[in-house]
PDB file of N, CA and C in Angstrom:
ATOM      1  N   MET A   1     -10.621  -5.344   1.833  1.00  0.00           N
ATOM      2  CA  MET A   1      -9.646  -5.497   0.916  1.00  0.00           C
ATOM      3  C   MET A   1      -8.435  -5.250   1.554  1.00  0.00           C
ATOM      4  N   PHE A   2      -7.325  -5.829   1.284  1.00  0.00           N
ATOM      5  CA  PHE A   2      -6.116  -5.145   1.834  1.00  0.00           C
ATOM      6  C   PHE A   2      -4.836  -5.441   0.677  1.00  0.00           C
ATOM      7  N   LEU A   3      -3.965  -5.005   1.200  1.00  0.00           N
ATOM      8  CA  LEU A   3      -2.679  -4.783   0.422  1.00  0.00           C
ATOM      9  C   LEU A   3      -1.549  -5.896   1.025  1.00  0.00           C
ATOM     10  N   ALA A   4      -1.228  -6.236  -0.168  1.00  0.00           N
ATOM     11  CA  ALA A   4       0.184  -7.513   0.482  1.00  0.00           C
ATOM     12  C   ALA A   4       1.358  -6.896  -0.760  1.00  0.00           C
ATOM     13  N   SER A   5       2.583  -7.145   0.318  1.00  0.00           N
ATOM     14  CA  SER A   5       3.753  -6.756  -0.497  1.00  0.00           C
ATOM     15  C   SER A   5       4.369  -7.916  -0.708  1.00  0.00           C
ATOM     16  N   TYR A   6       5.322  -8.145  -1.942  1.00  0.00           N
ATOM     17  CA  TYR A   6       5.849  -9.447  -2.378  1.00  0.00           C
ATOM     18  C   TYR A   6       7.201  -8.808  -3.000  1.00  0.00           C
ATOM     19  N   LEU A   7       8.266  -9.893  -2.749  1.00  0.00           N
ATOM     20  CA  LEU A   7       9.201 -10.063  -3.829  1.00  0.00           C
ATOM     21  C   LEU A   7       9.137 -10.688  -5.199  1.00  0.00           C
ATOM     22  N   LYS A   8       9.899 -10.058  -6.122  1.00  0.00           N
ATOM     23  CA  LYS A   8       9.848 -10.749  -7.286  1.00  0.00           C
ATOM     24  C   LYS A   8      11.029 -10.393  -8.148  1.00  0.00           C
ATOM     25  N   ASP A   9      12.201 -11.017  -8.349  1.00  0.00           N
ATOM     26  CA  ASP A   9      13.172 -10.842  -8.880  1.00  0.00           C
ATOM     27  C   ASP A   9      13.962  -9.707  -8.510  1.00  0.00           C
ATOM     28  N   ALA A  10      13.949  -9.790  -6.599  1.00  0.00           N
ATOM     29  CA  ALA A  10      15.008  -9.112  -5.999  1.00  0.00           C
ATOM     30  C   ALA A  10      13.938  -7.339  -5.865  1.00  0.00           C
ATOM     31  N   TYR A  11      12.652  -7.314  -6.408  1.00  0.00           N
ATOM     32  CA  TYR A  11      11.752  -5.816  -5.924  1.00  0.00           C
ATOM     33  C   TYR A  11      10.612  -6.188  -5.692  1.00  0.00           C
ATOM     34  N   SER A  12       9.802  -5.204  -5.357  1.00  0.00           N
ATOM     35  CA  SER A  12       8.839  -5.363  -4.696  1.00  0.00           C
ATOM     36  C   SER A  12       7.573  -5.267  -5.640  1.00  0.00           C
ATOM     37  N   GLN A  13       6.561  -6.056  -5.259  1.00  0.00           N
ATOM     38  CA  GLN A  13       5.393  -6.020  -6.168  1.00  0.00           C
ATOM     39  C   GLN A  13       4.302  -5.861  -4.842  1.00  0.00           C
ATOM     40  N   VAL A  14       3.088  -4.844  -5.151  1.00  0.00           N
ATOM     41  CA  VAL A  14       1.988  -4.619  -3.997  1.00  0.00           C
ATOM     42  C   VAL A  14       1.226  -5.183  -5.043  1.00  0.00           C
ATOM     43  N   LYS A  15       0.088  -6.113  -4.267  1.00  0.00           N
ATOM     44  CA  LYS A  15      -1.285  -6.472  -4.730  1.00  0.00           C
ATOM     45  C   LYS A  15      -2.145  -6.622  -3.671  1.00  0.00           C
ATOM     46  N   VAL A  16      -3.764  -6.262  -4.320  1.00  0.00           N
ATOM     47  CA  VAL A  16      -4.563  -5.939  -3.324  1.00  0.00           C
ATOM     48  C   VAL A  16      -5.575  -7.024  -3.781  1.00  0.00           C
ATOM     49  N   PHE A  17      -6.019  -7.635  -2.504  1.00  0.00           N
ATOM     50  CA  PHE A  17      -7.190  -8.518  -1.808  1.00  0.00           C
ATOM     51  C   PHE A  17      -8.562  -8.179  -1.472  1.00  0.00           C
ATOM     52  N   ASP A  18      -9.500  -8.839  -1.725  1.00  0.00           N
ATOM     53  CA  ASP A  18     -10.465  -8.841  -0.983  1.00  0.00           C
ATOM     54  C   ASP A  18     -10.274  -9.933   0.199  1.00  0.00           C
ATOM     55  N   LEU A  19     -11.181  -9.467   1.395  1.00  0.00           N
ATOM     56  CA  LEU A  19     -11.375 -10.023   2.434  1.00  0.00           C
ATOM     57  C   LEU A  19     -11.631 -11.656   2.470  1.00  0.00           C
ATOM     58  N   ALA A  20     -11.976 -12.131   1.478  1.00  0.00           N
ATOM     59  CA  ALA A  20     -12.064 -13.495   0.903  1.00  0.00           C
ATOM     60  C   ALA A  20     -10.673 -14.356   0.369  1.00  0.00           C
ATOM     61  N   GLY A  21      -9.632 -13.401   0.489  1.00  0.00           N
ATOM     62  CA  GLY A  21      -8.124 -14.088  -0.338  1.00  0.00           C
ATOM     63  C   GLY A  21      -8.077 -13.833  -1.730  1.00  0.00           C
ATOM     64  N   ARG A  22      -9.295 -13.350  -2.338  1.00  0.00           N
ATOM     65  CA  ARG A  22      -8.836 -13.352  -3.738  1.00  0.00           C
ATOM     66  C   ARG A  22      -8.444 -12.235  -4.160  1.00  0.00           C
ATOM     67  N   PHE A  23      -7.889 -12.650  -5.192  1.00  0.00           N
ATOM     68  CA  PHE A  23      -6.648 -11.617  -6.020  1.00  0.00           C
ATOM     69  C   PHE A  23      -7.519 -10.462  -6.736  1.00  0.00           C
ATOM     70  N   VAL A  24      -7.455  -9.172  -6.121  1.00  0.00           N
ATOM     71  CA  VAL A  24      -8.426  -8.271  -6.887  1.00  0.00           C
ATOM     72  C   VAL A  24      -7.161  -7.455  -8.155  1.00  0.00           C
ATOM     73  N   ARG A  25      -6.227  -7.130  -7.767  1.00  0.00           N
ATOM     74  CA  ARG A  25      -5.169  -6.325  -8.933  1.00  0.00           C
ATOM     75  C   ARG A  25      -4.364  -5.922  -8.437  1.00  0.00           C
ATOM     76  N   GLU A  26      -3.004  -5.474  -9.048  1.00  0.00           N
ATOM     77  CA  GLU A  26      -1.582  -5.268  -8.298  1.00  0.00           C
ATOM     78  C   GLU A  26      -1.431  -3.745  -8.453  1.00  0.00           C
ATOM     79  N   VAL A  27      -1.222  -2.777  -7.814  1.00  0.00           N
ATOM     80  CA  VAL A  27      -0.925  -1.699  -7.620  1.00  0.00           C
ATOM     81  C   VAL A  27       0.307  -1.374  -8.534  1.00  0.00           C
ATOM     82  N   ALA A  28       0.264  -0.433  -9.238  1.00  0.00           N
ATOM     83  CA  ALA A  28       0.824   0.212 -10.212  1.00  0.00           C
ATOM     84  C   ALA A  28       2.299   0.896  -9.171  1.00  0.00           C
ATOM     85  N   LEU A  29       3.097   0.552  -9.087  1.00  0.00           N
ATOM     86  CA  LEU A  29       4.279   1.124  -8.145  1.00  0.00           C
ATOM     87  C   LEU A  29       5.292   2.313  -9.417  1.00  0.00           C
ATOM     88  N   PRO A  30       5.795   3.515  -8.547  1.00  0.00           N
ATOM     89  CA  PRO A  30       6.225   4.277  -9.722  1.00  0.00           C
ATOM     90  C   PRO A  30       7.584   3.397 -10.423  1.00  0.00           C
ATOM     91  N   GLY A  31       7.839   2.645 -10.048  1.00  0.00           N
ATOM     92  CA  GLY A  31       9.020   1.586 -10.970  1.00  0.00           C
ATOM     93  C   GLY A  31       9.898   0.540 -10.182  1.00  0.00           C
ATOM     94  N   ILE A  32      11.303  -0.129 -10.530  1.00  0.00           N
ATOM     95  CA  ILE A  32      11.652  -0.943  -9.873  1.00  0.00           C
ATOM     96  C   ILE A  32      12.346  -0.517  -8.362  1.00  0.00           C
ATOM     97  N   GLY A  33      11.667  -1.102  -7.228  1.00  0.00           N
ATOM     98  CA  GLY A  33      11.969  -0.475  -5.789  1.00  0.00           C
ATOM     99  C   GLY A  33      11.648  -1.597  -4.725  1.00  0.00           C
ATOM    100  N   ASN A  34      11.295  -0.866  -3.375  1.00  0.00           N
ATOM    101  CA  ASN A  34      11.004  -1.788  -2.516  1.00  0.00           C
ATOM    102  C   ASN A  34       9.770  -0.983  -1.988  1.00  0.00           C
ATOM    103  N   ALA A  35       8.849  -1.802  -1.598  1.00  0.00           N
ATOM    104  CA  ALA A  35       7.756  -1.273  -1.297  1.00  0.00           C
ATOM    105  C   ALA A  35       7.243  -2.054   0.357  1.00  0.00           C
ATOM    106  N   TRP A  36       6.436  -1.496   0.708  1.00  0.00           N
ATOM    107  CA  TRP A  36       5.860  -1.686   2.127  1.00  0.00           C
ATOM    108  C   TRP A  36       4.285  -1.748   1.610  1.00  0.00           C
ATOM    109  N   ALA A  37       3.038  -1.983   2.865  1.00  0.00           N
ATOM    110  CA  ALA A  37       1.883  -1.950   2.663  1.00  0.00           C
ATOM    111  C   ALA A  37       1.354  -2.073   3.822  1.00  0.00           C
ATOM    112  N   SER A  38       0.077  -1.516   3.936  1.00  0.00           N
ATOM    113  CA  SER A  38      -0.737  -1.322   5.389  1.00  0.00           C
ATOM    114  C   SER A  38      -2.009  -1.921   4.805  1.00  0.00           C
ATOM    115  N   THR A  39      -2.537  -2.190   6.047  1.00  0.00           N
ATOM    116  CA  THR A  39      -4.123  -2.781   5.559  1.00  0.00           C
ATOM    117  C   THR A  39      -4.983  -1.070   6.317  1.00  0.00           C
ATOM    118  N   ALA A  40      -6.536  -1.567   5.577  1.00  0.00           N
ATOM    119  CA  ALA A  40      -7.319  -0.264   6.390  1.00  0.00           C
ATOM    120  C   ALA A  40      -8.818  -1.075   5.983  1.00  0.00           C
ATOM    121  N   SER A  41      -9.519  -0.914   6.713  1.00  0.00           N
ATOM    122  CA  SER A  41     -10.878  -1.566   6.577  1.00  0.00           C
ATOM    123  C   SER A  41     -12.277  -0.731   6.629  1.00  0.00           C
ATOM    124  N   GLY A  42     -13.376  -0.734   6.435  1.00  0.00           N
ATOM    125  CA  GLY A  42     -14.342   0.144   6.462  1.00  0.00           C
ATOM    126  C   GLY A  42     -15.069   0.245   5.221  1.00  0.00           C
ATOM    127  N   PRO A  43     -16.213   0.815   4.835  1.00  0.00           N
ATOM    128  CA  PRO A  43     -16.597   1.422   3.397  1.00  0.00           C
ATOM    129  C   PRO A  43     -15.753   1.930   2.787  1.00  0.00           C
ATOM    130  N   ILE A  44     -15.269   3.148   3.279  1.00  0.00           N
ATOM    131  CA  ILE A  44     -14.259   3.351   2.189  1.00  0.00           C
ATOM    132  C   ILE A  44     -12.528   3.198   2.400  1.00  0.00           C
ATOM    133  N   ALA A  45     -11.858   2.106   2.342  1.00  0.00           N
ATOM    134  CA  ALA A  45     -10.909   1.764   2.482  1.00  0.00           C
ATOM    135  C   ALA A  45      -9.853   2.733   1.643  1.00  0.00           C
ATOM    136  N   ARG A  46      -8.797   3.105   2.336  1.00  0.00           N
ATOM    137  CA  ARG A  46      -7.841   3.749   1.860  1.00  0.00           C
ATOM    138  C   ARG A  46      -6.646   3.173   2.491  1.00  0.00           C
ATOM    139  N   PRO A  47      -5.937   2.388   2.341  1.00  0.00           N
ATOM    140  CA  PRO A  47      -4.815   2.172   2.901  1.00  0.00           C
ATOM    141  C   PRO A  47      -3.406   2.776   2.383  1.00  0.00           C
ATOM    142  N   PHE A  48      -2.410   2.637   2.932  1.00  0.00           N
ATOM    143  CA  PHE A  48      -1.085   3.299   2.465  1.00  0.00           C
ATOM    144  C   PHE A  48      -0.209   2.081   2.244  1.00  0.00           C
ATOM    145  N   TYR A  49       0.440   3.031   1.330  1.00  0.00           N
ATOM    146  CA  TYR A  49       1.811   1.991   1.037  1.00  0.00           C
ATOM    147  C   TYR A  49       2.916   2.671   0.762  1.00  0.00           C
ATOM    148  N   GLY A  50       4.760   2.388   1.421  1.00  0.00           N
ATOM    149  CA  GLY A  50       5.726   3.349   1.029  1.00  0.00           C
ATOM    150  C   GLY A  50       5.984   2.908   0.104  1.00  0.00           C
ATOM    151  N   TYR A  51       7.174   3.643  -1.065  1.00  0.00           N
ATOM    152  CA  TYR A  51       7.856   2.774  -1.881  1.00  0.00           C
ATOM    153  C   TYR A  51       9.161   4.121  -2.032  1.00  0.00           C
ATOM    154  N   THR A  52      10.518   3.134  -2.126  1.00  0.00           N
ATOM    155  CA  THR A  52      11.598   3.798  -2.101  1.00  0.00           C
ATOM    156  C   THR A  52      12.649   2.942  -3.208  1.00  0.00           C
ATOM    157  N   SER A  53      13.605   3.814  -3.760  1.00  0.00           N
ATOM    158  CA  SER A  53      14.727   3.101  -4.769  1.00  0.00           C
ATOM    159  C   SER A  53      15.692   3.380  -4.587  1.00  0.00           C
ATOM    160  N   PHE A  54      16.326   3.321  -5.693  1.00  0.00           N
ATOM    161  CA  PHE A  54      18.219   3.704  -6.058  1.00  0.00           C
ATOM    162  C   PHE A  54      17.867   5.450  -6.091  1.00  0.00           C
ATOM    163  N   THR A  55      16.769   5.415  -6.650  1.00  0.00           N
ATOM    164  CA  THR A  55      16.740   7.091  -7.171  1.00  0.00           C
ATOM    165  C   THR A  55      15.777   7.672  -6.777  1.00  0.00           C
ATOM    166  N   VAL A  56      14.870   6.924  -5.793  1.00  0.00           N
ATOM    167  CA  VAL A  56      13.620   7.799  -5.094  1.00  0.00           C
ATOM    168  C   VAL A  56      13.621   7.804  -3.789  1.00  0.00           C
ATOM    169  N   PRO A  57      13.824   8.786  -3.083  1.00  0.00           N
ATOM    170  CA  PRO A  57      13.776   8.932  -1.842  1.00  0.00           C
ATOM    171  C   PRO A  57      12.158   8.329  -1.095  1.00  0.00           C
ATOM    172  N   GLY A  58      12.220   7.538  -0.112  1.00  0.00           N
ATOM    173  CA  GLY A  58      10.870   6.772   0.211  1.00  0.00           C
ATOM    174  C   GLY A  58       9.424   8.062   0.475  1.00  0.00           C
ATOM    175  N   THR A  59       8.647   7.496  -0.359  1.00  0.00           N
ATOM    176  CA  THR A  59       7.538   8.347  -0.391  1.00  0.00           C
ATOM    177  C   THR A  59       6.310   7.449   0.113  1.00  0.00           C
ATOM    178  N   ILE A  60       5.325   8.240   0.882  1.00  0.00           N
ATOM    179  CA  ILE A  60       4.058   7.264   1.419  1.00  0.00           C
ATOM    180  C   ILE A  60       3.023   7.882   0.535  1.00  0.00           C
ATOM    181  N   TYR A  61       2.015   6.662   0.070  1.00  0.00           N
ATOM    182  CA  TYR A  61       1.395   6.755  -1.033  1.00  0.00           C
ATOM    183  C   TYR A  61      -0.235   6.250  -0.146  1.00  0.00           C
ATOM    184  N   ARG A  62      -1.019   7.174  -0.805  1.00  0.00           N
ATOM    185  CA  ARG A  62      -2.562   6.813  -0.289  1.00  0.00           C
ATOM    186  C   ARG A  62      -2.836   6.291  -1.528  1.00  0.00           C
ATOM    187  N   TYR A  63      -3.573   5.072  -1.064  1.00  0.00           N
ATOM    188  CA  TYR A  63      -4.266   3.796  -2.165  1.00  0.00           C
ATOM    189  C   TYR A  63      -6.005   4.185  -2.172  1.00  0.00           C
ATOM    190  N   VAL A  64      -7.142   4.221  -3.087  1.00  0.00           N
ATOM    191  CA  VAL A  64      -8.266   4.128  -3.309  1.00  0.00           C
ATOM    192  C   VAL A  64      -8.373   2.622  -3.663  1.00  0.00           C
ATOM    193  N   VAL A  65      -8.805   2.116  -2.798  1.00  0.00           N
ATOM    194  CA  VAL A  65      -9.220   0.472  -3.473  1.00  0.00           C
ATOM    195  C   VAL A  65     -10.227   0.686  -4.371  1.00  0.00           C
ATOM    196  N   LYS A  66     -11.211   1.649  -4.113  1.00  0.00           N
ATOM    197  CA  LYS A  66     -12.407   1.554  -5.270  1.00  0.00           C
ATOM    198  C   LYS A  66     -11.644   1.624  -6.519  1.00  0.00           C
ATOM    199  N   THR A  67     -11.195   2.585  -6.998  1.00  0.00           N
ATOM    200  CA  THR A  67     -10.348   3.061  -8.118  1.00  0.00           C
ATOM    201  C   THR A  67      -8.954   2.671  -8.391  1.00  0.00           C
ATOM    202  N   GLY A  68      -8.446   2.415  -7.714  1.00  0.00           N
ATOM    203  CA  GLY A  68      -6.948   1.569  -7.814  1.00  0.00           C
ATOM    204  C   GLY A  68      -6.185   2.783  -7.986  1.00  0.00           C
ATOM    205  N   GLU A  69      -6.656   4.119  -7.362  1.00  0.00           N
ATOM    206  CA  GLU A  69      -5.617   4.713  -7.652  1.00  0.00           C
ATOM    207  C   GLU A  69      -4.598   5.627  -6.289  1.00  0.00           C
ATOM    208  N   SER A  70      -3.531   6.035  -6.838  1.00  0.00           N
ATOM    209  CA  SER A  70      -2.466   6.220  -5.666  1.00  0.00           C
ATOM    210  C   SER A  70      -2.335   7.747  -5.780  1.00  0.00           C
ATOM    211  N   THR A  71      -2.133   8.299  -4.335  1.00  0.00           N
ATOM    212  CA  THR A  71      -1.734   9.790  -4.523  1.00  0.00           C
ATOM    213  C   THR A  71      -0.580   9.750  -3.494  1.00  0.00           C
ATOM    214  N   VAL A  72       0.025  10.763  -4.011  1.00  0.00           N
ATOM    215  CA  VAL A  72       1.335  11.257  -2.750  1.00  0.00           C
ATOM    216  C   VAL A  72       0.605  11.308  -1.405  1.00  0.00           C
ATOM    217  N   PHE A  73       0.843  10.699  -0.355  1.00  0.00           N
ATOM    218  CA  PHE A  73       0.585  11.378   0.970  1.00  0.00           C
ATOM    219  C   PHE A  73       1.389  12.206   1.686  1.00  0.00           C
ATOM    220  N   ARG A  74       3.049  11.775   1.729  1.00  0.00           N
ATOM    221  CA  ARG A  74       3.846  12.548   2.185  1.00  0.00           C
ATOM    222  C   ARG A  74       5.246  11.908   1.546  1.00  0.00           C
ATOM    223  N   LYS A  75       5.729  12.971   1.452  1.00  0.00           N
ATOM    224  CA  LYS A  75       7.393  12.972   0.357  1.00  0.00           C
ATOM    225  C   LYS A  75       7.921  13.975   0.857  1.00  0.00           C
ATOM    226  N   PRO A  76       9.861  13.135   1.029  1.00  0.00           N
ATOM    227  CA  PRO A  76      10.484  14.141   1.588  1.00  0.00           C
ATOM    228  C   PRO A  76      11.203  15.489   0.572  1.00  0.00           C
ATOM    229  N   LYS A  77      11.193  16.424   1.401  1.00  0.00           N
ATOM    230  CA  LYS A  77      11.866  17.682   0.497  1.00  0.00           C
ATOM    231  C   LYS A  77      13.485  17.444   0.016  1.00  0.00           C
ATOM    232  N   VAL A  78      13.731  16.500  -0.674  1.00  0.00           N
ATOM    233  CA  VAL A  78      15.047  17.021  -0.586  1.00  0.00           C
ATOM    234  C   VAL A  78      15.624  17.642  -2.088  1.00  0.00           C
ATOM    235  N   ARG A  79      17.100  17.876  -2.186  1.00  0.00           N
ATOM    236  CA  ARG A  79      17.762  18.655  -3.374  1.00  0.00           C
ATOM    237  C   ARG A  79      17.983  17.612  -4.421  1.00  0.00           C
ATOM    238  N   PHE A  80      17.294  17.032  -4.570  1.00  0.00           N
ATOM    239  CA  PHE A  80      17.700  15.843  -5.775  1.00  0.00           C
ATOM    240  C   PHE A  80      16.523  15.738  -7.125  1.00  0.00           C
ATOM    241  N   ASN A  81      16.712  15.646  -8.194  1.00  0.00           N
ATOM    242  CA  ASN A  81      15.288  15.382  -9.055  1.00  0.00           C
ATOM    243  C   ASN A  81      16.078  13.995  -9.544  1.00  0.00           C
ATOM    244  N   SER A  82      14.587  12.971  -9.186  1.00  0.00           N
ATOM    245  CA  SER A  82      15.244  11.566  -9.276  1.00  0.00           C
ATOM    246  C   SER A  82      14.313  11.368 -10.656  1.00  0.00           C
ATOM    247  N   ASP A  83      13.915  12.374 -11.698  1.00  0.00           N
ATOM    248  CA  ASP A  83      13.475  12.254 -12.884  1.00  0.00           C
ATOM    249  C   ASP A  83      14.457  12.134 -13.909  1.00  0.00           C
ATOM    250  N   ASP A  84      15.792  12.576 -13.310  1.00  0.00           N
ATOM    251  CA  ASP A  84      16.967  12.475 -14.098  1.00  0.00           C
ATOM    252  C   ASP A  84      17.894  11.324 -14.014  1.00  0.00           C
ATOM    253  N   TYR A  85      17.340  10.686 -13.690  1.00  0.00           N
ATOM    254  CA  TYR A  85      17.950   9.289 -13.437  1.00  0.00           C
ATOM    255  C   TYR A  85      16.869   7.984 -13.701  1.00  0.00           C
ATOM    256  N   GLU A  86      17.649   6.731 -13.835  1.00  0.00           N
ATOM    257  CA  GLU A  86      16.382   5.466 -14.061  1.00  0.00           C
ATOM    258  C   GLU A  86      17.035   4.507 -13.450  1.00  0.00           C
ATOM    259  N   THR A  87      16.810   3.513 -13.367  1.00  0.00           N
ATOM    260  CA  THR A  87      17.215   2.225 -12.960  1.00  0.00           C
ATOM    261  C   THR A  87      16.412   1.192 -13.696  1.00  0.00           C
ATOM    262  N   ARG A  88      17.444   0.176 -14.296  1.00  0.00           N
ATOM    263  CA  ARG A  88      16.833  -1.005 -14.954  1.00  0.00           C
ATOM    264  C   ARG A  88      17.150  -2.064 -14.230  1.00  0.00           C
ATOM    265  N   GLN A  89      16.833  -3.437 -14.548  1.00  0.00           N
ATOM    266  CA  GLN A  89      17.389  -4.349 -14.131  1.00  0.00           C
ATOM    267  C   GLN A  89      17.663  -5.103 -15.129  1.00  0.00           C
ATOM    268  N   ILE A  90      18.697  -6.158 -14.867  1.00  0.00           N
ATOM    269  CA  ILE A  90      19.344  -7.040 -15.806  1.00  0.00           C
ATOM    270  C   ILE A  90      19.848  -8.456 -14.976  1.00  0.00           C
ATOM    271  N   PHE A  91      19.506  -9.404 -15.898  1.00  0.00           N
ATOM    272  CA  PHE A  91      20.044 -10.881 -14.969  1.00  0.00           C
ATOM    273  C   PHE A  91      21.268 -11.491 -15.576  1.00  0.00           C
ATOM    274  N   TYR A  92      22.180 -11.967 -14.765  1.00  0.00           N
ATOM    275  CA  TYR A  92      23.403 -12.538 -15.111  1.00  0.00           C
ATOM    276  C   TYR A  92      23.312 -13.990 -14.798  1.00  0.00           C
ATOM    277  N   ASN A  93      24.345 -14.845 -15.293  1.00  0.00           N
ATOM    278  CA  ASN A  93      23.918 -16.295 -15.099  1.00  0.00           C
ATOM    279  C   ASN A  93      25.316 -16.309 -14.458  1.00  0.00           C
ATOM    280  N   SER A  94      25.493 -17.039 -13.007  1.00  0.00           N
ATOM    281  CA  SER A  94      26.678 -17.214 -12.235  1.00  0.00           C
ATOM    282  C   SER A  94      27.271 -18.480 -12.867  1.00  0.00           C
ATOM    283  N   LYS A  95      28.403 -18.906 -12.642  1.00  0.00           N
ATOM    284  CA  LYS A  95      28.943 -19.987 -12.690  1.00  0.00           C
ATOM    285  C   LYS A  95      28.454 -21.005 -12.807  1.00  0.00           C
ATOM    286  N   ASP A  96      27.713 -21.243 -11.758  1.00  0.00           N
ATOM    287  CA  ASP A  96      26.793 -22.609 -11.680  1.00  0.00           C
ATOM    288  C   ASP A  96      25.493 -22.295 -12.308  1.00  0.00           C
ATOM    289  N   GLY A  97      25.181 -21.402 -12.902  1.00  0.00           N
ATOM    290  CA  GLY A  97      23.835 -21.300 -13.669  1.00  0.00           C
ATOM    291  C   GLY A  97      22.817 -20.495 -13.400  1.00  0.00           C
ATOM    292  N   THR A  98      22.913 -19.642 -11.940  1.00  0.00           N
ATOM    293  CA  THR A  98      21.970 -19.497 -11.266  1.00  0.00           C
ATOM    294  C   THR A  98      21.683 -18.042 -11.840  1.00  0.00           C
ATOM    295  N   ARG A  99      20.582 -17.778 -12.180  1.00  0.00           N
ATOM    296  CA  ARG A  99      20.132 -16.152 -12.588  1.00  0.00           C
ATOM    297  C   ARG A  99      19.959 -15.540 -11.365  1.00  0.00           C
ATOM    298  N   VAL A 100      20.974 -14.307 -11.564  1.00  0.00           N
ATOM    299  CA  VAL A 100      21.022 -13.345 -10.704  1.00  0.00           C
ATOM    300  C   VAL A 100      20.651 -12.153 -11.132  1.00  0.00           C
ATOM    301  N   PRO A 101      19.656 -11.535 -10.400  1.00  0.00           N
ATOM    302  CA  PRO A 101      19.243 -10.275 -10.874  1.00  0.00           C
ATOM    303  C   PRO A 101      20.215  -8.882 -10.576  1.00  0.00           C
ATOM    304  N   MET A 102      20.181  -8.034 -11.153  1.00  0.00           N
ATOM    305  CA  MET A 102      21.339  -6.931 -10.827  1.00  0.00           C
ATOM    306  C   MET A 102      20.240  -6.009 -11.189  1.00  0.00           C
ATOM    307  N   PHE A 103      20.636  -4.271 -10.888  1.00  0.00           N
ATOM    308  CA  PHE A 103      20.207  -3.257 -10.770  1.00  0.00           C
ATOM    309  C   PHE A 103      21.406  -2.512 -11.276  1.00  0.00           C
ATOM    310  N   ILE A 104      21.034  -1.585 -12.323  1.00  0.00           N
ATOM    311  CA  ILE A 104      21.691  -0.764 -12.788  1.00  0.00           C
ATOM    312  C   ILE A 104      21.175   0.680 -12.715  1.00  0.00           C
ATOM    313  N   SER A 105      21.763   1.684 -11.704  1.00  0.00           N
ATOM    314  CA  SER A 105      20.812   3.285 -11.475  1.00  0.00           C
ATOM    315  C   SER A 105      21.990   3.996 -12.323  1.00  0.00           C
ATOM    316  N   HIS A 106      21.344   5.108 -13.232  1.00  0.00           N
ATOM    317  CA  HIS A 106      22.326   5.984 -13.852  1.00  0.00           C
ATOM    318  C   HIS A 106      21.788   7.060 -14.405  1.00  0.00           C
ATOM    319  N   ARG A 107      22.820   8.164 -14.827  1.00  0.00           N
ATOM    320  CA  ARG A 107      21.761   9.468 -15.076  1.00  0.00           C
ATOM    321  C   ARG A 107      21.081   8.966 -16.519  1.00  0.00           C
ATOM    322  N   LYS A 108      19.772  10.069 -17.162  1.00  0.00           N
ATOM    323  CA  LYS A 108      19.099   9.410 -18.260  1.00  0.00           C
ATOM    324  C   LYS A 108      19.951   9.691 -19.067  1.00  0.00           C
ATOM    325  N   GLY A 109      19.929   9.272 -20.283  1.00  0.00           N
ATOM    326  CA  GLY A 109      20.767   9.578 -21.380  1.00  0.00           C
ATOM    327  C   GLY A 109      22.052   8.562 -21.913  1.00  0.00           C
TER     328      GLY A 109
END
């Protein structure tokens, strides 16, 4: 199994594939943000992936391929509660008709 990260509408997606290249599942990320993925091999594959966003500091997760479960492996200690904020994505059509993705981050409520 291996993980691959993709960009879709200017944010990351992480997908799991078997060694033949067949899609297995998508990794549920904590929100709209940027992610990177590593590979792992062996009978108990536990690759890592990293995630960061406009409101979440860079966090490393361990991913259990068999169950699809993610657990925090390493998270920075900061004086900031990212749960108090949210980011949403909107799209705007430019003058020439190009659909442009934009992110809006703000305090919840």
